[in-house]
Protein backbone atom coordinates (compact mmCIF):
# COMPACT_ATOMS: atom_id res chain seq x y z
CA UNK A 1 88.95 -3.72 -27.19
CA UNK A 2 87.58 -4.02 -23.69
CA UNK A 3 85.72 -1.17 -22.13
CA UNK A 4 84.82 -0.23 -18.61
CA UNK A 5 81.51 1.30 -19.71
CA UNK A 6 78.42 -0.03 -17.90
CA UNK A 7 75.70 -1.38 -20.13
CA UNK A 8 71.95 -0.94 -19.39
CA UNK A 9 70.07 -4.20 -18.88
CA UNK A 10 68.00 -5.41 -21.81
CA UNK A 11 64.36 -4.42 -21.55
CA UNK A 12 62.21 -7.11 -19.97
CA UNK A 13 59.42 -8.63 -22.02
CA UNK A 14 57.36 -9.32 -18.82
CA UNK A 15 55.54 -6.42 -17.10
CA UNK A 16 56.44 -5.64 -13.50
CA UNK A 17 54.43 -7.42 -10.81
CA UNK A 18 52.20 -4.35 -10.03
CA UNK A 19 51.35 -3.91 -13.67
CA UNK A 20 50.51 -7.60 -14.06
CA UNK A 21 48.21 -7.39 -11.03
CA UNK A 22 46.44 -4.31 -12.40
CA UNK A 23 45.91 -5.98 -15.76
CA UNK A 24 44.56 -9.12 -14.11
CA UNK A 25 42.19 -7.11 -11.91
CA UNK A 26 40.91 -5.18 -14.90
CA UNK A 27 40.31 -8.39 -16.81
CA UNK A 28 38.50 -9.91 -13.85
CA UNK A 29 36.29 -6.83 -13.50
CA UNK A 30 35.49 -6.93 -17.20
CA UNK A 31 34.57 -10.62 -16.95
CA UNK A 32 32.40 -9.94 -13.91
CA UNK A 33 30.60 -7.13 -15.74
CA UNK A 34 30.06 -9.37 -18.74
CA UNK A 35 28.73 -12.15 -16.52
CA UNK A 36 26.36 -9.72 -14.80
CA UNK A 37 25.05 -8.49 -18.15
CA UNK A 38 24.59 -12.06 -19.33
CA UNK A 39 22.87 -13.17 -16.15
CA UNK A 40 20.37 -10.27 -16.26
CA UNK A 41 18.54 -8.89 -13.23
CA UNK A 42 18.28 -10.98 -10.09
CA UNK A 43 15.02 -12.81 -9.52
CA UNK A 44 12.57 -11.38 -7.05
CA UNK A 45 12.36 -13.23 -3.69
CA UNK A 46 8.82 -14.42 -4.41
CA UNK A 47 8.18 -16.46 -1.22
CA UNK A 48 9.14 -13.51 0.97
CA UNK A 49 7.21 -10.94 -1.07
CA UNK A 50 4.09 -13.12 -1.21
CA UNK A 51 4.27 -13.52 2.57
CA UNK A 52 4.31 -9.71 2.88
CA UNK A 53 1.42 -9.54 0.42
CA UNK A 54 -0.56 -11.97 2.54
CA UNK A 55 0.08 -9.77 5.58
CA UNK A 56 -1.49 -6.87 3.66
CA UNK A 57 -4.41 -9.10 2.67
CA UNK A 58 -5.09 -10.02 6.31
CA UNK A 59 -4.79 -6.38 7.40
CA UNK A 60 -7.40 -5.11 4.95
CA UNK A 61 -9.69 -8.12 5.42
CA UNK A 62 -9.65 -7.56 9.17
CA UNK A 63 -10.53 -3.90 8.63
CA UNK A 64 -13.30 -4.32 6.08
CA UNK A 65 -15.00 -7.62 6.99
CA UNK A 66 -17.40 -6.16 9.62
CA UNK A 67 -19.04 -4.01 6.92
CA UNK A 68 -20.28 -7.16 5.21
CA UNK A 69 -21.57 -8.89 8.36
CA UNK A 70 -23.10 -6.02 10.34
CA UNK A 71 -26.65 -7.42 10.70
CA UNK A 72 -25.53 -10.77 12.14
CA UNK A 73 -22.75 -9.18 14.19
CA UNK A 74 -25.08 -6.61 15.77
CA UNK A 75 -27.70 -9.29 16.57
CA UNK A 76 -25.15 -11.53 18.31
CA UNK A 77 -23.65 -8.68 20.32
CA UNK A 78 -27.05 -7.23 21.24
CA UNK A 79 -26.44 -3.76 19.75
CA UNK A 80 -27.75 -1.76 16.81
CA UNK A 81 -26.09 -1.97 13.42
CA UNK A 82 -24.65 1.49 13.93
CA UNK A 83 -23.17 0.25 17.21
CA UNK A 84 -21.61 -2.75 15.49
CA UNK A 85 -20.38 -0.40 12.77
CA UNK A 86 -18.16 1.29 15.33
CA UNK A 87 -15.93 -1.77 15.02
CA UNK A 88 -14.76 -0.28 11.70
CA UNK A 89 -14.40 3.20 13.20
CA UNK A 90 -12.34 1.99 16.16
CA UNK A 91 -10.06 0.02 13.84
CA UNK A 92 -9.39 3.16 11.80
CA UNK A 93 -8.85 5.23 14.95
CA UNK A 94 -6.34 2.67 16.20
CA UNK A 95 -4.40 2.91 12.94
CA UNK A 96 -4.39 6.71 13.04
CA UNK A 97 -3.28 6.81 16.66
CA UNK A 98 -0.58 4.15 16.35
CA UNK A 99 1.11 4.54 12.98
CA UNK A 100 3.50 7.40 13.77
CA UNK A 101 4.38 6.82 17.46
CA UNK A 102 4.73 3.03 17.21
CA UNK A 103 6.83 3.26 14.05
CA UNK A 104 9.13 5.80 15.70
CA UNK A 105 9.36 3.82 18.94
CA UNK A 106 10.28 0.58 17.17
CA UNK A 107 12.62 2.04 14.53
CA UNK A 108 15.62 0.24 16.02
CA UNK A 109 13.95 -3.16 16.39
CA UNK A 110 14.90 -6.00 14.03
CA UNK A 111 12.33 -5.85 11.24
CA UNK A 112 11.52 -9.56 11.14
CA UNK A 113 10.78 -9.72 14.85
CA UNK A 114 8.51 -6.70 14.55
CA UNK A 115 6.70 -8.22 11.54
CA UNK A 116 6.11 -11.48 13.43
CA UNK A 117 4.74 -9.57 16.43
CA UNK A 118 2.38 -7.56 14.21
CA UNK A 119 0.97 -10.63 12.44
CA UNK A 120 0.72 -12.39 15.81
CA UNK A 121 -1.33 -9.41 16.98
CA UNK A 122 -3.82 -10.03 14.17
CA UNK A 123 -4.00 -13.70 15.17
CA UNK A 124 -4.99 -12.76 18.71
CA UNK A 125 -7.31 -9.85 17.85
CA UNK A 126 -9.30 -11.83 15.28
CA UNK A 127 -9.52 -14.84 17.61
CA UNK A 128 -10.96 -12.64 20.37
CA UNK A 129 -13.43 -11.08 17.92
CA UNK A 130 -14.52 -14.56 16.78
CA UNK A 131 -15.33 -15.86 20.29
CA UNK A 132 -16.31 -12.73 22.22
CA UNK A 133 -19.94 -12.36 23.30
CA UNK A 134 -19.23 -9.03 25.02
CA UNK A 135 -19.56 -5.81 23.02
CA UNK A 136 -16.88 -3.93 24.97
CA UNK A 137 -14.36 -6.77 24.60
CA UNK A 138 -15.07 -7.00 20.87
CA UNK A 139 -14.52 -3.26 20.44
CA UNK A 140 -11.27 -3.47 22.42
CA UNK A 141 -10.07 -6.27 20.13
CA UNK A 142 -10.95 -4.18 17.08
CA UNK A 143 -9.06 -1.17 18.44
CA UNK A 144 -6.03 -3.39 19.17
CA UNK A 145 -6.18 -4.74 15.61
CA UNK A 146 -6.15 -1.15 14.35
CA UNK A 147 -3.05 -0.39 16.44
CA UNK A 148 -1.27 -3.36 14.87
CA UNK A 149 -2.43 -2.35 11.39
CA UNK A 150 -0.98 1.15 11.71
CA UNK A 151 2.41 -0.36 12.51
CA UNK A 152 2.26 -3.09 9.88
CA UNK A 153 1.32 -0.81 6.97
CA UNK A 154 4.31 1.42 7.76
CA UNK A 155 6.56 -1.66 8.00
CA UNK A 156 5.56 -3.53 4.84
CA UNK A 157 6.77 -1.04 2.24
CA UNK A 158 10.23 -0.60 3.73
CA UNK A 159 10.62 -4.34 4.19
CA UNK A 160 9.72 -5.11 0.58
CA UNK A 161 12.15 -2.46 -0.71
CA UNK A 162 14.92 -3.62 1.60
CA UNK A 163 15.14 -7.24 0.41
CA UNK A 164 15.58 -6.54 -3.33
CA UNK A 165 18.03 -4.72 -5.57
CA UNK A 166 17.43 -0.97 -6.02
CA UNK A 167 16.17 -1.39 -9.58
CA UNK A 168 13.52 -3.89 -8.37
CA UNK A 169 12.05 -1.85 -5.54
CA UNK A 170 8.98 -0.72 -7.46
CA UNK A 171 8.07 -4.25 -8.54
CA UNK A 172 8.66 -5.58 -5.03
CA UNK A 173 6.35 -2.91 -3.62
CA UNK A 174 3.68 -3.78 -6.18
CA UNK A 175 3.78 -7.45 -5.16
CA UNK A 176 3.76 -6.68 -1.44
CA UNK A 177 0.86 -4.23 -1.77
CA UNK A 178 -1.19 -6.47 -4.09
CA UNK A 179 -2.64 -8.36 -1.14
CA UNK A 180 -4.67 -5.32 -0.13
CA UNK A 181 -6.18 -5.01 -3.61
CA UNK A 182 -7.00 -8.73 -3.70
CA UNK A 183 -8.68 -8.40 -0.31
CA UNK A 184 -10.74 -5.44 -1.49
CA UNK A 185 -11.81 -6.95 -4.82
CA UNK A 186 -12.19 -10.63 -3.96
CA UNK A 187 -11.51 -11.32 -0.28
CA UNK A 188 -14.18 -9.14 1.31
CA UNK A 189 -17.01 -10.40 -0.96
CA UNK A 190 -15.83 -13.99 -0.38
CA UNK A 191 -15.66 -13.42 3.37
CA UNK A 192 -19.17 -11.99 3.34
CA UNK A 193 -20.45 -15.07 1.49
CA UNK A 194 -18.70 -17.36 3.99
CA UNK A 195 -20.18 -15.41 6.88
CA UNK A 196 -23.64 -15.78 5.35
CA UNK A 197 -23.21 -19.54 5.00
CA UNK A 198 -21.37 -20.40 8.21
CA UNK A 199 -21.68 -17.34 10.47
CA UNK A 200 -19.65 -14.19 10.95
CA UNK A 201 -17.63 -15.73 13.79
CA UNK A 202 -16.34 -18.45 11.44
CA UNK A 203 -15.10 -15.77 9.04
CA UNK A 204 -13.11 -14.03 11.80
CA UNK A 205 -11.88 -17.38 13.11
CA UNK A 206 -10.60 -18.24 9.64
CA UNK A 207 -8.76 -14.91 9.50
CA UNK A 208 -7.09 -15.79 12.81
CA UNK A 209 -6.02 -19.22 11.51
CA UNK A 210 -4.64 -17.62 8.34
CA UNK A 211 -2.65 -15.11 10.40
CA UNK A 212 -1.24 -17.93 12.56
CA UNK A 213 -0.16 -19.84 9.44
CA UNK A 214 1.44 -16.65 8.13
CA UNK A 215 3.59 -16.41 11.26
CA UNK A 216 5.19 -19.72 10.30
CA UNK A 217 5.53 -18.65 6.66
CA UNK A 218 7.30 -15.42 7.62
CA UNK A 219 9.60 -17.25 10.03
CA UNK A 220 10.84 -19.56 7.26
CA UNK A 221 10.65 -17.46 4.07
CA UNK A 222 11.29 -13.81 4.95
CA UNK A 223 14.93 -12.79 5.44
CA UNK A 224 15.98 -10.93 8.55
CA UNK A 225 16.44 -7.18 8.29
CA UNK A 226 18.02 -4.86 10.86
CA UNK A 227 16.37 -1.84 12.40
CA UNK A 228 17.76 1.64 12.03
CA UNK A 229 20.90 2.63 13.88
CA UNK A 230 20.34 5.48 16.38
CA UNK A 231 22.39 7.88 14.27
CA UNK A 232 20.22 7.25 11.20
CA UNK A 233 16.89 8.15 12.83
CA UNK A 234 15.37 11.54 12.07
CA UNK A 235 12.80 13.37 14.18
CA UNK A 236 9.36 13.69 12.63
CA UNK A 237 9.66 17.42 11.88
CA UNK A 238 12.84 16.79 9.84
CA UNK A 239 11.17 13.99 7.88
CA UNK A 240 8.39 16.41 6.91
CA UNK A 241 11.02 18.87 5.66
CA UNK A 242 12.69 16.34 3.34
CA UNK A 243 12.06 17.61 -0.22
CA UNK A 244 9.20 15.72 -1.82
CA UNK A 245 7.68 14.16 1.31
CA UNK A 246 5.09 16.90 1.89
CA UNK A 247 4.08 16.80 -1.79
CA UNK A 248 3.44 13.05 -1.69
CA UNK A 249 1.45 13.39 1.53
CA UNK A 250 -0.67 16.17 0.00
CA UNK A 251 -1.44 14.03 -3.05
CA UNK A 252 -2.29 11.11 -0.76
CA UNK A 253 -4.74 13.16 1.31
CA UNK A 254 -6.49 14.64 -1.73
CA UNK A 255 -6.66 11.40 -3.72
CA UNK A 256 -7.86 9.21 -0.84
CA UNK A 257 -10.48 11.76 0.19
CA UNK A 258 -11.78 11.93 -3.41
CA UNK A 259 -11.82 8.16 -3.85
CA UNK A 260 -13.59 7.47 -0.58
CA UNK A 261 -16.23 10.17 -1.04
CA UNK A 262 -17.27 8.12 -4.06
CA UNK A 263 -16.57 4.65 -2.66
CA UNK A 264 -18.23 5.08 0.74
CA UNK A 265 -21.45 6.38 -0.81
CA UNK A 266 -21.43 4.39 -4.05
CA UNK A 267 -24.83 2.85 -3.26
CA UNK A 268 -26.37 6.31 -2.80
CA UNK A 269 -24.68 7.49 -6.01
CA UNK A 270 -26.12 4.80 -8.25
CA UNK A 271 -29.55 4.44 -6.62
CA UNK A 272 -31.10 7.37 -8.58
CA UNK A 273 -30.14 5.50 -11.77
CA UNK A 274 -32.08 2.40 -10.73
CA UNK A 275 -28.97 0.45 -9.72
CA UNK A 276 -29.64 0.29 -5.99
CA UNK A 277 -29.58 -3.51 -6.06
CA UNK A 278 -26.48 -3.67 -8.27
CA UNK A 279 -23.90 -2.20 -5.90
CA UNK A 280 -22.10 -5.54 -5.61
CA UNK A 281 -21.77 -5.81 -9.41
CA UNK A 282 -20.43 -2.27 -9.73
CA UNK A 283 -17.85 -2.92 -6.98
CA UNK A 284 -16.90 -6.24 -8.58
CA UNK A 285 -16.10 -4.46 -11.85
CA UNK A 286 -14.04 -1.91 -9.92
CA UNK A 287 -12.22 -4.68 -8.06
CA UNK A 288 -11.36 -6.71 -11.15
CA UNK A 289 -9.90 -3.76 -13.04
CA UNK A 290 -7.98 -2.82 -9.88
CA UNK A 291 -6.17 -6.15 -10.20
CA UNK A 292 -5.25 -5.22 -13.78
CA UNK A 293 -3.97 -1.88 -12.48
CA UNK A 294 -1.73 -3.63 -9.95
CA UNK A 295 -0.21 -5.80 -12.68
CA UNK A 296 0.48 -2.80 -14.93
CA UNK A 297 1.89 -0.80 -12.04
CA UNK A 298 4.26 -3.61 -11.06
CA UNK A 299 5.61 -3.77 -14.61
CA UNK A 300 6.14 -0.03 -15.17
CA UNK A 301 6.63 1.61 -11.78
CA UNK A 302 10.43 1.45 -11.66
CA UNK A 303 10.67 3.59 -14.82
CA UNK A 304 7.41 5.54 -15.00
CA UNK A 305 6.20 6.36 -11.48
CA UNK A 306 5.42 10.00 -12.31
CA UNK A 307 3.48 9.13 -15.47
CA UNK A 308 1.53 6.40 -13.69
CA UNK A 309 0.55 8.75 -10.86
CA UNK A 310 -0.63 11.46 -13.24
CA UNK A 311 -2.56 8.83 -15.21
CA UNK A 312 -4.21 7.50 -12.03
CA UNK A 313 -5.49 10.96 -11.14
CA UNK A 314 -6.83 11.46 -14.67
CA UNK A 315 -8.53 8.04 -14.80
CA UNK A 316 -10.36 8.44 -11.49
CA UNK A 317 -11.32 12.01 -12.52
CA UNK A 318 -12.73 10.61 -15.78
CA UNK A 319 -14.73 8.05 -13.79
CA UNK A 320 -16.14 10.76 -11.49
CA UNK A 321 -17.05 12.93 -14.49
CA UNK A 322 -18.80 9.96 -16.13
CA UNK A 323 -20.87 9.33 -13.00
CA UNK A 324 -21.72 13.03 -12.76
CA UNK A 325 -22.89 13.03 -16.38
CA UNK A 326 -24.92 9.86 -15.81
CA UNK A 327 -26.70 11.49 -12.85
CA UNK A 328 -27.63 14.46 -15.04
CA UNK A 329 -29.11 12.08 -17.60
CA UNK A 330 -30.92 8.81 -17.10
CA UNK A 331 -28.71 6.09 -18.62
CA UNK A 332 -27.33 3.54 -16.18
CA UNK A 333 -24.76 1.74 -18.37
CA UNK A 334 -22.06 4.49 -18.08
CA UNK A 335 -21.76 3.61 -14.38
CA UNK A 336 -20.20 0.24 -15.26
CA UNK A 337 -17.76 1.92 -17.64
CA UNK A 338 -16.93 4.42 -14.91
CA UNK A 339 -16.32 1.60 -12.41
CA UNK A 340 -13.90 -0.08 -14.83
CA UNK A 341 -11.95 3.14 -15.43
CA UNK A 342 -12.04 3.92 -11.70
CA UNK A 343 -10.45 0.56 -10.87
CA UNK A 344 -7.73 1.07 -13.46
CA UNK A 345 -6.87 4.38 -11.83
CA UNK A 346 -7.15 3.33 -8.22
CA UNK A 347 -5.64 -0.18 -8.11
CA UNK A 348 -1.98 0.81 -8.17
CA UNK A 349 -2.20 4.09 -6.25
CA UNK A 350 -1.16 2.73 -2.85
CA UNK A 351 1.99 1.26 -4.40
CA UNK A 352 2.74 4.45 -6.34
CA UNK A 353 2.38 6.75 -3.35
CA UNK A 354 4.28 4.49 -0.95
CA UNK A 355 7.10 4.13 -3.45
CA UNK A 356 7.21 7.89 -4.03
CA UNK A 357 7.40 8.74 -0.34
CA UNK A 358 10.01 6.03 0.30
CA UNK A 359 12.15 7.31 -2.58
CA UNK A 360 11.92 10.85 -1.24
CA UNK A 361 12.58 9.97 2.42
CA UNK A 362 15.33 7.40 1.70
CA UNK A 363 16.76 6.31 5.09
CA UNK A 364 13.72 7.73 6.90
CA UNK A 365 11.36 5.66 4.74
CA UNK A 366 9.60 3.83 7.59
CA UNK A 367 8.67 7.02 9.42
CA UNK A 368 7.58 8.63 6.15
CA UNK A 369 5.41 5.57 5.50
CA UNK A 370 3.77 6.02 8.91
CA UNK A 371 2.90 9.60 7.93
CA UNK A 372 1.39 8.33 4.68
CA UNK A 373 -0.62 5.65 6.54
CA UNK A 374 -1.96 8.33 8.88
CA UNK A 375 -2.92 10.58 5.93
CA UNK A 376 -4.60 7.63 4.23
CA UNK A 377 -6.73 6.73 7.27
CA UNK A 378 -7.57 10.36 7.97
CA UNK A 379 -8.73 10.63 4.35
CA UNK A 380 -11.03 7.63 4.85
CA UNK A 381 -12.48 9.06 8.06
CA UNK A 382 -12.88 12.57 6.60
CA UNK A 383 -14.56 11.18 3.48
CA UNK A 384 -17.23 9.46 5.56
CA UNK A 385 -18.04 12.73 7.35
CA UNK A 386 -17.71 15.11 4.39
CA UNK A 387 -19.54 12.77 2.01
CA UNK A 388 -22.39 12.37 4.48
CA UNK A 389 -22.78 16.13 4.83
CA UNK A 390 -22.72 16.61 1.06
CA UNK A 391 -25.27 13.85 0.56
CA UNK A 392 -27.64 15.26 3.18
CA UNK A 393 -27.42 18.91 2.15
CA UNK A 394 -26.55 18.93 -1.58
CA UNK A 395 -27.65 15.54 -2.86
CA UNK A 396 -25.85 12.69 -4.62
CA UNK A 397 -24.88 14.83 -7.62
CA UNK A 398 -22.53 16.88 -5.41
CA UNK A 399 -20.32 13.87 -4.62
CA UNK A 400 -18.61 13.34 -8.02
CA UNK A 401 -18.08 17.10 -8.48
CA UNK A 402 -16.43 17.32 -5.05
CA UNK A 403 -14.24 14.36 -5.93
CA UNK A 404 -13.27 16.07 -9.21
CA UNK A 405 -12.11 19.18 -7.36
CA UNK A 406 -9.93 17.09 -5.04
CA UNK A 407 -8.49 15.08 -7.93
CA UNK A 408 -7.63 18.30 -9.75
CA UNK A 409 -5.65 19.33 -6.65
CA UNK A 410 -3.85 15.96 -6.57
CA UNK A 411 -3.05 16.26 -10.27
CA UNK A 412 -1.70 19.80 -9.87
CA UNK A 413 0.57 18.88 -6.94
CA UNK A 414 1.88 15.79 -8.77
CA UNK A 415 2.60 17.84 -11.88
CA UNK A 416 4.39 20.53 -9.86
CA UNK A 417 6.56 18.06 -7.90
CA UNK A 418 8.76 17.29 -10.89
CA UNK A 419 12.04 17.67 -8.96
CA UNK A 420 11.12 16.00 -5.67
CA UNK A 421 8.24 13.71 -4.81
CA UNK A 422 7.31 12.72 -8.37
CA UNK A 423 10.50 13.50 -10.29
CA UNK A 424 10.82 13.21 -14.05
CA UNK A 425 13.98 11.13 -13.51
CA UNK A 426 14.27 8.59 -10.70
């Protein structure tokens, strides 16, 4: 019997188009996630990071080389050794003067162009130093090199962090900063030997050639990076108010002052123990274990920055205490043990502190780095003055105890900055 009743259509076995699209997208996302887990972390851009590391090597070599060639340098320039020693002072002053204002003024510049200009500045400054027979011109070249160094140190950390994935930033920083440790432990002694064999001008000339070669390396291997947009730039006073930044700067000032009170006057420290002629051996031990420290830091920094920083303070404090105990007794062998422990504590500190301040400052990382560079150089300069006063008025035994007090301060600030600066979770 026919009916006029309308029947509902049979249910379709195929999902609607929107549903099919959603299912396909979900499947694609799941496959992409699986592929990412299978592929593992991206490889570090080694050619670029090693170029940045070489820039750090040249920067520290340029700063420290005069200390190893002062007699020949002063004789050629017709001044006293103390006069030639001002080449180190003027370099440090240039870094202190330039780091903050130059970093702020060039915040919007493309990073690669700025890096090339900085390394080119080292090429020119070292070339002038190598050929100059005029004391005033040599000092001007050294001051100019210091200006460039203040800018480059603030630039390197941000550049290394900016060309890798977030989870690789600590390792990238460790690689980029390793050049400074290599320069301190191996480069400066090697440069001093070269200067003794071929003349101090050859050593500076070689540094200029190396910087020129680095310009080409950077041009081909380092990726371009933009500067900061005007809306992203913060004034200096606001950077200082970012939670954690002041804590990292305080730890930097205390730690660097403690380290350099010991390092600057290491010869005077170990002379009472009969090791006056063994300063180079003690520093070699320190330098070699510093390289170990860099390797360990690069492996662990992305997960354990706070623990590594606390450990660094404790290790250098243990080294200072060992030296203090040795001075109270008469045994010389603990000094070598102290140097080894000291290097383990000190080697990775620059990377740890620069990573901590960059994490805290985030988009204002470059300006925060310039503040850290300024604190670092002020610590070096203050250590030379304070250590000299302590040595003259209280004797060598006062130096390790003063360093211990400063390291206790650095340890306390690091421990207290568990939310910002050196957080328990990063």
